[in-house]
């Protein structure tokens, strides 16, 4: 049996008992002072007030706070008899972060589009001219498997450094059957080869490829009749996602794809109302999607439908920041008026959110969306887990769940969204293993 004990925790946010925070629930998120976490064989056994006697001959840091706002690095003080003891030295400790929306397997980059953005060219116009997603599709198709794996591993390591222990990865830069299957196999290989929990999502309906430019319905048929059966038969994905947006896939086309995916065991997710309010949120509710993502332009009726249907909204602050149009999803209203369990994500991708920084998400969520530190923590842990249907496995520190923990270079939770751009993850632990 392998055991890991984290002691001398100044503020422990375990989120015990939560399956997703709604409305005023975040106000109930309170730290345990002088806490500890015990993990055995990768699973949480205990998280709460200190109960274990201090291991002999291990001096722990004094609990007094000093003017220096940064705790010293956590210290691995003993590793013997299958017990590793970590002195958190009065630092902040939370569950491992859950990343519920990424597109990190791709070839090339889109740095050349920065100039277009700076000149104010709208994203959908860039896409219509063969840029955006289609530019990445071209680069991905010619990249070797080894190149795609190597670049994706770099991005995964960066996510991990920022406190992420579980990550969803979408396909969608292949846009034909062979390429989409290739990308999903690479995603599964990353899950086997990296010390992170990887959740694969099929997103063949990410854009309409050039060879179907004048026949969008024909491409929808291709997704339904060829791609989905192959993906399901090979067991390559847990979810089916679609970009429901003007100029991409209509509500009707998106519905066909998502229902076909559901019939083959792939639970629906929806890129909804990112640019225009075309009814993506309403669609997500109709098909009982696990999550709806972006939601910058959703109607009140759509948000109300999502709340009634139990759909988790995944908001992407860094994407709005990068699009430079100053339109952010109405997170405050989603929580206060619609009682929705808001999740947050980087949307790490080569175009509209070229970042793996969870810290940036925290900063923008606070400053632009006016979310509290507690709401941000819930949005990046238990609510994010709910958005990929893993709330019973990750997202909080309670007995039986995965031993995913972050020790932060901070004493207070508010420091995480307060320090702009700083990566404050001091130690990241996944399933009881120090990464």
Foldseek 3Di string as FASTA:
>chain_A
DAKEKEFQAAWEFFVPPDLFAFFPRLVVRGTAGRWMWMFDQQFTPDTHHDDDDDDPPFDAADQDDDPPFFFDFWDFGDQPPNYTYIRLRHFYKFFFFAFQAAALQWFDFVPVCLVVLVVPPAPLNCVVVCHDLNVRLVRRVPDDLVVRLVRSVVLVVVLVLLRHQEYEHEYASPLAQVSQVSSLVSQVVCCVVDRHHYAYEYESQAFHHPVCLVPLVVSLCRCLVPRLVVCLVVVRHQAYEHEDDVRGNDLVSRLSNQVSNVVSRHAYEYAAQQDEARCRLVSCLVSLHLEYERQLHHDPVSLLSCLVSVHAYEFAQQLCVQSPPLGGHQPVCSRNPRRHRYAYHNRCDRPRRVDSHLLQRLQRCCPSNVDDLSSHLSNRASSSCSSSPNNVATRGRDGPHGPWMFGFRGNDSRVSNVDHPDSGGSWTATSNRTD
